Amino acid sequence: LAALVAEVGLQPESPQGLSLEAAAKLAMEWFSNSNADVRESSVKLMGVCFSQVGLDRIEPFLANLRQVQREIFDAEFERVSGGGGD
């Protein structure tokens, strides 16, 4: 799903893109999954959303995270914006 968002973008910036709300809500649901691969996919999806629309637009979906959880997303945002390592 992250690859699809990266390819087609998010609405309304990309009329053919996916809904930011739907993608972000799904990512946040995935983040509570017990499987680490699913949680990692969630973080990557939100990273792509961040790269498409910026922090202001995705911040509401991150509001209920604990600090440790938020740091995981912040590290991904830093990575996708070119500021972090692998």
PDB file of N, CA and C in Angstrom:
ATOM      1  N   LEU A   1       0.825  -1.193   0.000  1.00  0.00           N
ATOM      2  CA  LEU A   1       0.000   0.000   0.000  1.00  0.00           C
ATOM      3  C   LEU A   1       0.869   1.255   0.000  1.00  0.00           C
ATOM      4  N   ALA A   2       1.989   1.205   0.705  1.00  0.00           N
ATOM      5  CA  ALA A   2       2.900   2.355   0.718  1.00  0.00           C
ATOM      6  C   ALA A   2       3.414   2.633  -0.690  1.00  0.00           C
ATOM      7  N   ALA A   3       3.719   1.583  -1.443  1.00  0.00           N
ATOM      8  CA  ALA A   3       4.193   1.764  -2.817  1.00  0.00           C
ATOM      9  C   ALA A   3       3.107   2.383  -3.688  1.00  0.00           C
ATOM     10  N   LEU A   4       1.869   1.990  -3.473  1.00  0.00           N
ATOM     11  CA  LEU A   4       0.757   2.548  -4.232  1.00  0.00           C
ATOM     12  C   LEU A   4       0.578   4.029  -3.924  1.00  0.00           C
ATOM     13  N   VAL A   5       0.642   4.387  -2.657  1.00  0.00           N
ATOM     14  CA  VAL A   5       0.544   5.803  -2.274  1.00  0.00           C
ATOM     15  C   VAL A   5       1.692   6.584  -2.897  1.00  0.00           C
ATOM     16  N   ALA A   6       2.883   6.020  -2.871  1.00  0.00           N
ATOM     17  CA  ALA A   6       4.033   6.699  -3.469  1.00  0.00           C
ATOM     18  C   ALA A   6       3.836   6.892  -4.965  1.00  0.00           C
ATOM     19  N   GLU A   7       3.190   5.935  -5.619  1.00  0.00           N
ATOM     20  CA  GLU A   7       3.007   6.006  -7.065  1.00  0.00           C
ATOM     21  C   GLU A   7       1.874   6.937  -7.476  1.00  0.00           C
ATOM     22  N   VAL A   8       0.714   6.827  -6.822  1.00  0.00           N
ATOM     23  CA  VAL A   8      -0.457   7.597  -7.268  1.00  0.00           C
ATOM     24  C   VAL A   8      -0.742   8.825  -6.419  1.00  0.00           C
ATOM     25  N   GLY A   9      -0.120   8.924  -5.251  1.00  0.00           N
ATOM     26  CA  GLY A   9      -0.306  10.091  -4.399  1.00  0.00           C
ATOM     27  C   GLY A   9      -1.552  10.010  -3.541  1.00  0.00           C
ATOM     28  N   LEU A  10      -1.844  11.132  -2.911  1.00  0.00           N
ATOM     29  CA  LEU A  10      -2.982  11.244  -2.005  1.00  0.00           C
ATOM     30  C   LEU A  10      -3.891  12.375  -2.456  1.00  0.00           C
ATOM     31  N   GLN A  11      -5.154  12.204  -2.200  1.00  0.00           N
ATOM     32  CA  GLN A  11      -6.117  13.261  -2.511  1.00  0.00           C
ATOM     33  C   GLN A  11      -6.011  14.363  -1.468  1.00  0.00           C
ATOM     34  N   PRO A  12      -6.295  15.598  -1.717  1.00  0.00           N
ATOM     35  CA  PRO A  12      -6.725  16.165  -2.989  1.00  0.00           C
ATOM     36  C   PRO A  12      -5.567  16.584  -3.896  1.00  0.00           C
ATOM     37  N   GLU A  13      -4.330  16.498  -3.413  1.00  0.00           N
ATOM     38  CA  GLU A  13      -3.190  16.906  -4.237  1.00  0.00           C
ATOM     39  C   GLU A  13      -3.130  16.117  -5.536  1.00  0.00           C
ATOM     40  N   SER A  14      -3.468  14.854  -5.464  1.00  0.00           N
ATOM     41  CA  SER A  14      -3.501  13.986  -6.637  1.00  0.00           C
ATOM     42  C   SER A  14      -4.932  13.462  -6.789  1.00  0.00           C
ATOM     43  N   PRO A  15      -5.704  14.013  -7.728  1.00  0.00           N
ATOM     44  CA  PRO A  15      -7.115  13.610  -7.861  1.00  0.00           C
ATOM     45  C   PRO A  15      -7.316  12.101  -8.024  1.00  0.00           C
ATOM     46  N   GLN A  16      -6.358  11.425  -8.641  1.00  0.00           N
ATOM     47  CA  GLN A  16      -6.471   9.977  -8.836  1.00  0.00           C
ATOM     48  C   GLN A  16      -5.910   9.202  -7.638  1.00  0.00           C
ATOM     49  N   GLY A  17      -5.409   9.910  -6.650  1.00  0.00           N
ATOM     50  CA  GLY A  17      -4.758   9.280  -5.513  1.00  0.00           C
ATOM     51  C   GLY A  17      -5.722   8.679  -4.513  1.00  0.00           C
ATOM     52  N   LEU A  18      -5.127   8.090  -3.510  1.00  0.00           N
ATOM     53  CA  LEU A  18      -5.901   7.475  -2.432  1.00  0.00           C
ATOM     54  C   LEU A  18      -6.297   8.525  -1.405  1.00  0.00           C
ATOM     55  N   SER A  19      -7.295   8.201  -0.629  1.00  0.00           N
ATOM     56  CA  SER A  19      -7.743   9.073   0.449  1.00  0.00           C
ATOM     57  C   SER A  19      -6.718   9.044   1.587  1.00  0.00           C
ATOM     58  N   LEU A  20      -6.251  10.230   1.991  1.00  0.00           N
ATOM     59  CA  LEU A  20      -5.328  10.303   3.125  1.00  0.00           C
ATOM     60  C   LEU A  20      -5.965   9.723   4.371  1.00  0.00           C
ATOM     61  N   GLU A  21      -7.208  10.086   4.624  1.00  0.00           N
ATOM     62  CA  GLU A  21      -7.876   9.610   5.833  1.00  0.00           C
ATOM     63  C   GLU A  21      -7.958   8.091   5.870  1.00  0.00           C
ATOM     64  N   ALA A  22      -8.342   7.478   4.767  1.00  0.00           N
ATOM     65  CA  ALA A  22      -8.445   6.015   4.723  1.00  0.00           C
ATOM     66  C   ALA A  22      -7.079   5.354   4.911  1.00  0.00           C
ATOM     67  N   ALA A  23      -6.060   5.873   4.226  1.00  0.00           N
ATOM     68  CA  ALA A  23      -4.721   5.290   4.334  1.00  0.00           C
ATOM     69  C   ALA A  23      -4.171   5.443   5.742  1.00  0.00           C
ATOM     70  N   ALA A  24      -4.328   6.627   6.323  1.00  0.00           N
ATOM     71  CA  ALA A  24      -3.785   6.875   7.656  1.00  0.00           C
ATOM     72  C   ALA A  24      -4.523   6.074   8.724  1.00  0.00           C
ATOM     73  N   LYS A  25      -5.832   5.997   8.613  1.00  0.00           N
ATOM     74  CA  LYS A  25      -6.595   5.197   9.588  1.00  0.00           C
ATOM     75  C   LYS A  25      -6.198   3.731   9.519  1.00  0.00           C
ATOM     76  N   LEU A  26      -6.026   3.217   8.305  1.00  0.00           N
ATOM     77  CA  LEU A  26      -5.602   1.829   8.144  1.00  0.00           C
ATOM     78  C   LEU A  26      -4.207   1.630   8.742  1.00  0.00           C
ATOM     79  N   ALA A  27      -3.310   2.557   8.475  1.00  0.00           N
ATOM     80  CA  ALA A  27      -1.953   2.448   9.021  1.00  0.00           C
ATOM     81  C   ALA A  27      -1.976   2.426  10.542  1.00  0.00           C
ATOM     82  N   MET A  28      -2.808   3.261  11.147  1.00  0.00           N
ATOM     83  CA  MET A  28      -2.844   3.302  12.603  1.00  0.00           C
ATOM     84  C   MET A  28      -3.481   2.032  13.179  1.00  0.00           C
ATOM     85  N   GLU A  29      -4.430   1.445  12.458  1.00  0.00           N
ATOM     86  CA  GLU A  29      -4.976   0.148  12.876  1.00  0.00           C
ATOM     87  C   GLU A  29      -3.888  -0.916  12.809  1.00  0.00           C
ATOM     88  N   TRP A  30      -3.126  -0.903  11.701  1.00  0.00           N
ATOM     89  CA  TRP A  30      -2.044  -1.878  11.544  1.00  0.00           C
ATOM     90  C   TRP A  30      -0.997  -1.740  12.629  1.00  0.00           C
ATOM     91  N   PHE A  31      -0.773  -0.527  13.117  1.00  0.00           N
ATOM     92  CA  PHE A  31       0.277  -0.312  14.102  1.00  0.00           C
ATOM     93  C   PHE A  31      -0.008  -1.038  15.408  1.00  0.00           C
ATOM     94  N   SER A  32      -1.250  -1.361  15.685  1.00  0.00           N
ATOM     95  CA  SER A  32      -1.577  -2.092  16.908  1.00  0.00           C
ATOM     96  C   SER A  32      -1.568  -3.609  16.703  1.00  0.00           C
ATOM     97  N   ASN A  33      -1.202  -4.069  15.517  1.00  0.00           N
ATOM     98  CA  ASN A  33      -1.142  -5.500  15.224  1.00  0.00           C
ATOM     99  C   ASN A  33       0.005  -6.148  15.992  1.00  0.00           C
ATOM    100  N   SER A  34      -0.174  -7.402  16.366  1.00  0.00           N
ATOM    101  CA  SER A  34       0.867  -8.105  17.120  1.00  0.00           C
ATOM    102  C   SER A  34       2.058  -8.513  16.244  1.00  0.00           C
ATOM    103  N   ASN A  35       1.882  -8.530  14.931  1.00  0.00           N
ATOM    104  CA  ASN A  35       2.947  -8.934  14.015  1.00  0.00           C
ATOM    105  C   ASN A  35       3.870  -7.745  13.717  1.00  0.00           C
ATOM    106  N   ALA A  36       5.156  -7.924  13.951  1.00  0.00           N
ATOM    107  CA  ALA A  36       6.128  -6.840  13.761  1.00  0.00           C
ATOM    108  C   ALA A  36       6.196  -6.374  12.303  1.00  0.00           C
ATOM    109  N   ASP A  37       6.049  -7.287  11.353  1.00  0.00           N
ATOM    110  CA  ASP A  37       6.081  -6.903   9.936  1.00  0.00           C
ATOM    111  C   ASP A  37       4.901  -5.999   9.581  1.00  0.00           C
ATOM    112  N   VAL A  38       3.754  -6.287  10.157  1.00  0.00           N
ATOM    113  CA  VAL A  38       2.568  -5.454   9.913  1.00  0.00           C
ATOM    114  C   VAL A  38       2.787  -4.065  10.506  1.00  0.00           C
ATOM    115  N   ARG A  39       3.326  -4.011  11.721  1.00  0.00           N
ATOM    116  CA  ARG A  39       3.606  -2.701  12.345  1.00  0.00           C
ATOM    117  C   ARG A  39       4.631  -1.922  11.524  1.00  0.00           C
ATOM    118  N   GLU A  40       5.647  -2.600  11.018  1.00  0.00           N
ATOM    119  CA  GLU A  40       6.655  -1.935  10.187  1.00  0.00           C
ATOM    120  C   GLU A  40       6.021  -1.381   8.911  1.00  0.00           C
ATOM    121  N   SER A  41       5.109  -2.140   8.321  1.00  0.00           N
ATOM    122  CA  SER A  41       4.399  -1.655   7.133  1.00  0.00           C
ATOM    123  C   SER A  41       3.569  -0.424   7.454  1.00  0.00           C
ATOM    124  N   SER A  42       2.989  -0.401   8.635  1.00  0.00           N
ATOM    125  CA  SER A  42       2.221   0.762   9.082  1.00  0.00           C
ATOM    126  C   SER A  42       3.087   2.006   9.130  1.00  0.00           C
ATOM    127  N   VAL A  43       4.257   1.863   9.716  1.00  0.00           N
ATOM    128  CA  VAL A  43       5.182   2.994   9.839  1.00  0.00           C
ATOM    129  C   VAL A  43       5.639   3.457   8.460  1.00  0.00           C
ATOM    130  N   LYS A  44       5.918   2.516   7.576  1.00  0.00           N
ATOM    131  CA  LYS A  44       6.344   2.887   6.218  1.00  0.00           C
ATOM    132  C   LYS A  44       5.218   3.591   5.460  1.00  0.00           C
ATOM    133  N   LEU A  45       3.992   3.114   5.626  1.00  0.00           N
ATOM    134  CA  LEU A  45       2.858   3.764   4.972  1.00  0.00           C
ATOM    135  C   LEU A  45       2.706   5.201   5.461  1.00  0.00           C
ATOM    136  N   MET A  46       2.808   5.412   6.762  1.00  0.00           N
ATOM    137  CA  MET A  46       2.702   6.777   7.287  1.00  0.00           C
ATOM    138  C   MET A  46       3.887   7.624   6.834  1.00  0.00           C
ATOM    139  N   GLY A  47       5.040   7.008   6.658  1.00  0.00           N
ATOM    140  CA  GLY A  47       6.193   7.739   6.141  1.00  0.00           C
ATOM    141  C   GLY A  47       5.951   8.242   4.729  1.00  0.00           C
ATOM    142  N   VAL A  48       5.324   7.404   3.903  1.00  0.00           N
ATOM    143  CA  VAL A  48       5.000   7.820   2.536  1.00  0.00           C
ATOM    144  C   VAL A  48       3.938   8.919   2.568  1.00  0.00           C
ATOM    145  N   CYS A  49       2.948   8.767   3.436  1.00  0.00           N
ATOM    146  CA  CYS A  49       1.933   9.817   3.573  1.00  0.00           C
ATOM    147  C   CYS A  49       2.587  11.130   3.986  1.00  0.00           C
ATOM    148  N   PHE A  50       3.494  11.059   4.932  1.00  0.00           N
ATOM    149  CA  PHE A  50       4.235  12.243   5.374  1.00  0.00           C
ATOM    150  C   PHE A  50       4.974  12.891   4.207  1.00  0.00           C
ATOM    151  N   SER A  51       5.627  12.079   3.397  1.00  0.00           N
ATOM    152  CA  SER A  51       6.394  12.631   2.276  1.00  0.00           C
ATOM    153  C   SER A  51       5.489  13.261   1.218  1.00  0.00           C
ATOM    154  N   GLN A  52       4.246  12.818   1.145  1.00  0.00           N
ATOM    155  CA  GLN A  52       3.300  13.345   0.158  1.00  0.00           C
ATOM    156  C   GLN A  52       2.615  14.628   0.627  1.00  0.00           C
ATOM    157  N   VAL A  53       2.235  14.683   1.914  1.00  0.00           N
ATOM    158  CA  VAL A  53       1.385  15.800   2.365  1.00  0.00           C
ATOM    159  C   VAL A  53       1.951  16.594   3.535  1.00  0.00           C
ATOM    160  N   GLY A  54       3.011  16.117   4.163  1.00  0.00           N
ATOM    161  CA  GLY A  54       3.612  16.840   5.273  1.00  0.00           C
ATOM    162  C   GLY A  54       3.015  16.496   6.632  1.00  0.00           C
ATOM    163  N   LEU A  55       3.718  16.904   7.653  1.00  0.00           N
ATOM    164  CA  LEU A  55       3.355  16.551   9.029  1.00  0.00           C
ATOM    165  C   LEU A  55       2.027  17.151   9.466  1.00  0.00           C
ATOM    166  N   ASP A  56       1.750  18.380   9.075  1.00  0.00           N
ATOM    167  CA  ASP A  56       0.513  19.026   9.521  1.00  0.00           C
ATOM    168  C   ASP A  56      -0.726  18.214   9.161  1.00  0.00           C
ATOM    169  N   ARG A  57      -0.716  17.606   7.985  1.00  0.00           N
ATOM    170  CA  ARG A  57      -1.893  16.848   7.535  1.00  0.00           C
ATOM    171  C   ARG A  57      -2.007  15.473   8.198  1.00  0.00           C
ATOM    172  N   ILE A  58      -0.901  14.904   8.654  1.00  0.00           N
ATOM    173  CA  ILE A  58      -0.997  13.571   9.270  1.00  0.00           C
ATOM    174  C   ILE A  58      -0.966  13.617  10.793  1.00  0.00           C
ATOM    175  N   GLU A  59      -0.619  14.765  11.340  1.00  0.00           N
ATOM    176  CA  GLU A  59      -0.527  14.907  12.800  1.00  0.00           C
ATOM    177  C   GLU A  59      -1.784  14.417  13.536  1.00  0.00           C
ATOM    178  N   PRO A  60      -2.989  14.732  13.058  1.00  0.00           N
ATOM    179  CA  PRO A  60      -4.174  14.268  13.792  1.00  0.00           C
ATOM    180  C   PRO A  60      -4.239  12.752  13.961  1.00  0.00           C
ATOM    181  N   PHE A  61      -3.687  12.010  13.031  1.00  0.00           N
ATOM    182  CA  PHE A  61      -3.729  10.548  13.111  1.00  0.00           C
ATOM    183  C   PHE A  61      -2.707  10.002  14.103  1.00  0.00           C
ATOM    184  N   LEU A  62      -1.740  10.824  14.482  1.00  0.00           N
ATOM    185  CA  LEU A  62      -0.681  10.412  15.403  1.00  0.00           C
ATOM    186  C   LEU A  62      -0.946  10.879  16.834  1.00  0.00           C
ATOM    187  N   ALA A  63      -2.002  11.608  17.034  1.00  0.00           N
ATOM    188  CA  ALA A  63      -2.254  12.298  18.304  1.00  0.00           C
ATOM    189  C   ALA A  63      -2.361  11.378  19.516  1.00  0.00           C
ATOM    190  N   ASN A  64      -2.833  10.162  19.329  1.00  0.00           N
ATOM    191  CA  ASN A  64      -3.057   9.278  20.478  1.00  0.00           C
ATOM    192  C   ASN A  64      -1.914   8.309  20.762  1.00  0.00           C
ATOM    193  N   LEU A  65      -0.795   8.498  20.103  1.00  0.00           N
ATOM    194  CA  LEU A  65       0.347   7.610  20.328  1.00  0.00           C
ATOM    195  C   LEU A  65       1.075   7.956  21.619  1.00  0.00           C
ATOM    196  N   ARG A  66       1.621   6.939  22.258  1.00  0.00           N
ATOM    197  CA  ARG A  66       2.521   7.180  23.393  1.00  0.00           C
ATOM    198  C   ARG A  66       3.832   7.729  22.832  1.00  0.00           C
ATOM    199  N   GLN A  67       4.621   8.361  23.676  1.00  0.00           N
ATOM    200  CA  GLN A  67       5.859   9.009  23.242  1.00  0.00           C
ATOM    201  C   GLN A  67       6.799   8.029  22.530  1.00  0.00           C
ATOM    202  N   VAL A  68       6.952   6.836  23.081  1.00  0.00           N
ATOM    203  CA  VAL A  68       7.842   5.833  22.481  1.00  0.00           C
ATOM    204  C   VAL A  68       7.342   5.448  21.091  1.00  0.00           C
ATOM    205  N   GLN A  69       6.029   5.306  20.944  1.00  0.00           N
ATOM    206  CA  GLN A  69       5.465   4.983  19.640  1.00  0.00           C
ATOM    207  C   GLN A  69       5.682   6.142  18.662  1.00  0.00           C
ATOM    208  N   ARG A  70       5.455   7.354  19.130  1.00  0.00           N
ATOM    209  CA  ARG A  70       5.612   8.528  18.270  1.00  0.00           C
ATOM    210  C   ARG A  70       7.044   8.645  17.766  1.00  0.00           C
ATOM    211  N   GLU A  71       7.996   8.294  18.599  1.00  0.00           N
ATOM    212  CA  GLU A  71       9.401   8.364  18.198  1.00  0.00           C
ATOM    213  C   GLU A  71       9.705   7.430  17.027  1.00  0.00           C
ATOM    214  N   ILE A  72       9.008   6.308  16.956  1.00  0.00           N
ATOM    215  CA  ILE A  72       9.181   5.377  15.837  1.00  0.00           C
ATOM    216  C   ILE A  72       8.749   6.052  14.537  1.00  0.00           C
ATOM    217  N   PHE A  73       7.612   6.727  14.579  1.00  0.00           N
ATOM    218  CA  PHE A  73       7.123   7.434  13.391  1.00  0.00           C
ATOM    219  C   PHE A  73       8.022   8.618  13.057  1.00  0.00           C
ATOM    220  N   ASP A  74       8.436   9.357  14.065  1.00  0.00           N
ATOM    221  CA  ASP A  74       9.312  10.511  13.819  1.00  0.00           C
ATOM    222  C   ASP A  74      10.618  10.083  13.160  1.00  0.00           C
ATOM    223  N   ALA A  75      11.155   8.934  13.579  1.00  0.00           N
ATOM    224  CA  ALA A  75      12.386   8.427  12.960  1.00  0.00           C
ATOM    225  C   ALA A  75      12.151   8.101  11.485  1.00  0.00           C
ATOM    226  N   GLU A  76      10.977   7.549  11.177  1.00  0.00           N
ATOM    227  CA  GLU A  76      10.655   7.253   9.778  1.00  0.00           C
ATOM    228  C   GLU A  76      10.492   8.543   8.976  1.00  0.00           C
ATOM    229  N   PHE A  77       9.879   9.541   9.557  1.00  0.00           N
ATOM    230  CA  PHE A  77       9.713  10.825   8.862  1.00  0.00           C
ATOM    231  C   PHE A  77      11.072  11.453   8.576  1.00  0.00           C
ATOM    232  N   GLU A  78      11.962  11.336   9.520  1.00  0.00           N
ATOM    233  CA  GLU A  78      13.321  11.862   9.337  1.00  0.00           C
ATOM    234  C   GLU A  78      14.030  11.085   8.219  1.00  0.00           C
ATOM    235  N   ARG A  79      13.833   9.779   8.207  1.00  0.00           N
ATOM    236  CA  ARG A  79      14.469   8.932   7.189  1.00  0.00           C
ATOM    237  C   ARG A  79      13.969   9.297   5.794  1.00  0.00           C
ATOM    238  N   VAL A  80      12.643   9.418   5.632  1.00  0.00           N
ATOM    239  CA  VAL A  80      12.100   9.681   4.302  1.00  0.00           C
ATOM    240  C   VAL A  80      12.364  11.100   3.830  1.00  0.00           C
ATOM    241  N   SER A  81      12.629  11.995   4.767  1.00  0.00           N
ATOM    242  CA  SER A  81      12.925  13.366   4.358  1.00  0.00           C
ATOM    243  C   SER A  81      14.426  13.550   4.087  1.00  0.00           C
ATOM    244  N   GLY A  82      15.179  12.456   4.171  1.00  0.00           N
ATOM    245  CA  GLY A  82      16.595  12.502   3.814  1.00  0.00           C
ATOM    246  C   GLY A  82      17.517  12.837   4.950  1.00  0.00           C
ATOM    247  N   GLY A  83      16.981  12.925   6.161  1.00  0.00           N
ATOM    248  CA  GLY A  83      17.818  13.327   7.281  1.00  0.00           C
ATOM    249  C   GLY A  83      18.375  12.184   8.095  1.00  0.00           C
ATOM    250  N   GLY A  84      17.902  10.967   7.834  1.00  0.00           N
ATOM    251  CA  GLY A  84      18.353   9.865   8.667  1.00  0.00           C
ATOM    252  C   GLY A  84      19.014   8.769   7.889  1.00  0.00           C
ATOM    253  N   GLY A  85      19.603   7.852   8.601  1.00  0.00           N
ATOM    254  CA  GLY A  85      20.245   6.693   7.987  1.00  0.00           C
ATOM    255  C   GLY A  85      19.238   5.625   7.695  1.00  0.00           C
ATOM    256  N   ASP A  86      19.706   4.432   7.451  1.00  0.00           N
ATOM    257  CA  ASP A  86      18.843   3.320   7.098  1.00  0.00           C
ATOM    258  C   ASP A  86      18.077   2.819   8.245  1.00  0.00           C
TER     259      ASP A  86
END
